[in-house]
Amino acid sequence: MSEELDDLVDNLREPSAWVRIAFMLVFALVLYLVIAPMVLVLMLAQAVFTIITGDHNDNLRKFGSAFSLYIFQILQFLTFNANEKPFPFSEFPGIALEEDIDDITATKSEAKGNAEKTTKRTSKKASKKAVKKKASTKREVDKGEDKDKAADEPD
């Protein structure tokens, strides 16, 4: 028991742990008081821009991507999944990700186009099936009428 108590005391006296905790508190406050409102402003600015012009703003989109990576860095640090301190103690993330963002956008556009093609094909198939079903139903009705006529006619 004494050895465990000594380990605990040694851990409490370790300055790097206390420094990390202090940084974690600062980054948690920054995340809550500064970054969350900035995300709201960014979201509203992009929404207003989209309403006015009918399209998104590329600069805001790229900044939003880099900003979300920065938030991810902070969360990684706060949850002990990364030991590197986020910006301003390291480089701001995501500046070189413009090509990746364009690739993602292109992939989403292709997927949307493929989904639209599939929907059109599916609706064409469904309408062809409906026409065939209607035709077969009409034939069955006609056959039923023929049988009724044959039954009504005297021999």
Protein backbone atom coordinates (compact mmCIF):
# COMPACT_ATOMS: atom_id res chain seq x y z
CA MET A 1 0.00 0.00 0.00
CA SER A 2 2.86 2.34 0.81
CA GLU A 3 4.37 1.86 -2.64
CA GLU A 4 1.06 2.76 -4.34
CA LEU A 5 0.82 5.89 -2.19
CA ASP A 6 4.36 6.87 -3.16
CA ASP A 7 3.47 6.45 -6.86
CA LEU A 8 0.42 8.65 -6.40
CA VAL A 9 2.47 11.36 -4.69
CA ASP A 10 5.07 11.19 -7.48
CA ASN A 11 2.35 11.55 -10.09
CA LEU A 12 0.88 14.56 -8.27
CA ARG A 13 4.29 16.22 -8.15
CA GLU A 14 4.89 15.70 -11.89
CA PRO A 15 4.77 19.22 -13.45
CA SER A 16 4.09 17.99 -17.00
CA ALA A 17 0.74 16.54 -15.92
CA TRP A 18 -0.30 19.84 -14.34
CA VAL A 19 0.84 21.81 -17.38
CA ARG A 20 -1.20 19.56 -19.65
CA ILE A 21 -4.25 19.95 -17.42
CA ALA A 22 -3.84 23.74 -17.53
CA PHE A 23 -3.61 23.66 -21.35
CA MET A 24 -6.63 21.38 -21.49
CA LEU A 25 -8.68 23.83 -19.41
CA VAL A 26 -7.63 26.72 -21.64
CA PHE A 27 -8.46 24.84 -24.84
CA ALA A 28 -11.80 23.69 -23.39
CA LEU A 29 -12.70 27.31 -22.61
CA VAL A 30 -11.57 28.47 -26.06
CA LEU A 31 -13.63 25.70 -27.63
CA TYR A 32 -16.72 26.71 -25.69
CA LEU A 33 -16.43 30.51 -25.69
CA VAL A 34 -14.74 31.28 -29.00
CA ILE A 35 -14.96 28.38 -31.42
CA ALA A 36 -18.61 27.42 -30.92
CA PRO A 37 -19.81 30.98 -31.70
CA MET A 38 -17.45 31.08 -34.71
CA VAL A 39 -19.02 27.89 -36.04
CA LEU A 40 -22.46 29.52 -35.76
CA VAL A 41 -21.24 32.65 -37.58
CA LEU A 42 -19.64 30.53 -40.29
CA MET A 43 -22.83 28.49 -40.66
CA LEU A 44 -25.05 31.58 -40.88
CA ALA A 45 -22.69 33.32 -43.33
CA GLN A 46 -22.67 30.30 -45.62
CA ALA A 47 -26.47 30.00 -45.39
CA VAL A 48 -26.99 33.68 -46.23
CA PHE A 49 -24.51 33.46 -49.09
CA THR A 50 -26.31 30.39 -50.44
CA ILE A 51 -29.71 32.06 -50.21
CA ILE A 52 -28.50 35.22 -51.95
CA THR A 53 -26.37 33.70 -54.71
CA GLY A 54 -27.87 30.22 -54.98
CA ASP A 55 -24.46 28.57 -54.50
CA HIS A 56 -22.02 28.05 -51.63
CA ASN A 57 -18.94 30.22 -51.07
CA ASP A 58 -15.76 28.26 -51.81
CA ASN A 59 -13.63 30.36 -49.46
CA LEU A 60 -16.01 29.82 -46.55
CA ARG A 61 -16.24 26.13 -47.39
CA LYS A 62 -12.45 25.73 -47.39
CA PHE A 63 -12.11 27.70 -44.17
CA GLY A 64 -14.86 25.60 -42.62
CA SER A 65 -13.01 22.43 -43.55
CA ALA A 66 -9.76 23.67 -42.03
CA PHE A 67 -11.64 24.94 -38.99
CA SER A 68 -13.30 21.58 -38.43
CA LEU A 69 -9.88 19.92 -38.55
CA TYR A 70 -8.69 22.42 -35.94
CA ILE A 71 -11.64 21.53 -33.73
CA PHE A 72 -10.77 17.88 -34.22
CA GLN A 73 -7.17 18.62 -33.12
CA ILE A 74 -8.45 20.28 -29.96
CA LEU A 75 -10.76 17.37 -29.18
CA GLN A 76 -7.94 14.88 -29.77
CA PHE A 77 -5.76 16.81 -27.32
CA LEU A 78 -8.54 17.12 -24.73
CA THR A 79 -9.29 13.40 -24.82
CA PHE A 80 -5.61 12.37 -24.56
CA ASN A 81 -5.63 10.93 -28.09
CA ALA A 82 -2.88 13.36 -29.13
CA ASN A 83 -0.02 14.88 -27.20
CA GLU A 84 0.68 17.73 -29.62
CA LYS A 85 -0.91 20.99 -28.56
CA PRO A 86 -3.22 22.51 -31.19
CA PHE A 87 -2.78 25.91 -32.86
CA PRO A 88 -1.24 28.40 -31.83
CA PHE A 89 1.33 25.94 -30.46
CA SER A 90 1.43 24.05 -33.76
CA GLU A 91 0.53 24.81 -37.36
CA PHE A 92 -3.10 25.54 -38.24
CA PRO A 93 -4.46 22.43 -39.99
CA GLY A 94 -5.98 22.01 -43.37
CA ILE A 95 -4.37 24.71 -45.48
CA ALA A 96 -3.15 22.13 -48.03
CA LEU A 97 -6.45 20.22 -48.15
CA GLU A 98 -8.06 22.19 -51.00
CA GLU A 99 -7.47 19.33 -53.47
CA ASP A 100 -8.98 16.82 -51.04
CA ILE A 101 -12.05 19.02 -50.59
CA ASP A 102 -12.47 19.28 -54.36
CA ASP A 103 -12.10 15.50 -54.68
CA ILE A 104 -14.75 14.95 -52.01
CA THR A 105 -17.08 17.43 -53.70
CA ALA A 106 -16.55 15.75 -57.07
CA THR A 107 -17.22 12.33 -55.55
CA LYS A 108 -20.43 13.60 -53.95
CA SER A 109 -21.54 15.12 -57.28
CA GLU A 110 -20.86 11.83 -59.09
CA ALA A 111 -22.78 9.91 -56.44
CA LYS A 112 -25.68 12.32 -56.73
CA GLY A 113 -25.66 11.99 -60.53
CA ASN A 114 -25.57 8.19 -60.27
CA ALA A 115 -28.44 8.26 -57.79
CA GLU A 116 -30.48 10.43 -60.16
CA LYS A 117 -29.76 8.06 -63.07
CA THR A 118 -30.77 5.08 -60.94
CA THR A 119 -33.96 6.86 -59.90
CA LYS A 120 -34.80 7.63 -63.53
CA ARG A 121 -34.10 4.03 -64.58
CA THR A 122 -36.16 2.72 -61.69
CA SER A 123 -39.07 5.02 -62.50
CA LYS A 124 -38.91 4.01 -66.20
CA LYS A 125 -38.96 0.33 -65.22
CA ALA A 126 -41.83 0.95 -62.83
CA SER A 127 -43.87 2.75 -65.49
CA LYS A 128 -43.17 -0.04 -68.02
CA LYS A 129 -44.33 -2.59 -65.46
CA ALA A 130 -47.43 -0.53 -64.76
CA VAL A 131 -48.25 -0.38 -68.49
CA LYS A 132 -47.75 -4.15 -68.84
CA LYS A 133 -49.87 -4.80 -65.77
CA LYS A 134 -52.58 -2.51 -67.06
CA ALA A 135 -52.52 -4.27 -70.44
CA SER A 136 -52.70 -7.73 -68.87
CA THR A 137 -55.51 -6.58 -66.58
CA LYS A 138 -57.37 -5.22 -69.61
CA ARG A 139 -56.91 -8.56 -71.43
CA GLU A 140 -58.27 -10.41 -68.40
CA VAL A 141 -61.25 -8.08 -68.28
CA ASP A 142 -61.81 -8.56 -72.01
CA LYS A 143 -61.65 -12.37 -71.58
CA GLY A 144 -64.12 -12.10 -68.73
CA GLU A 145 -66.48 -10.07 -70.92
CA ASP A 146 -66.13 -12.62 -73.74
CA LYS A 147 -67.07 -15.40 -71.33
CA ASP A 148 -70.07 -13.39 -70.13
CA LYS A 149 -71.17 -12.79 -73.72
CA ALA A 150 -70.75 -16.48 -74.56
CA ALA A 151 -72.79 -17.46 -71.52
CA ASP A 152 -75.53 -14.99 -72.43
CA GLU A 153 -75.84 -16.15 -76.05
CA PRO A 154 -78.22 -19.04 -76.61
CA ASP A 155 -76.94 -22.13 -78.40
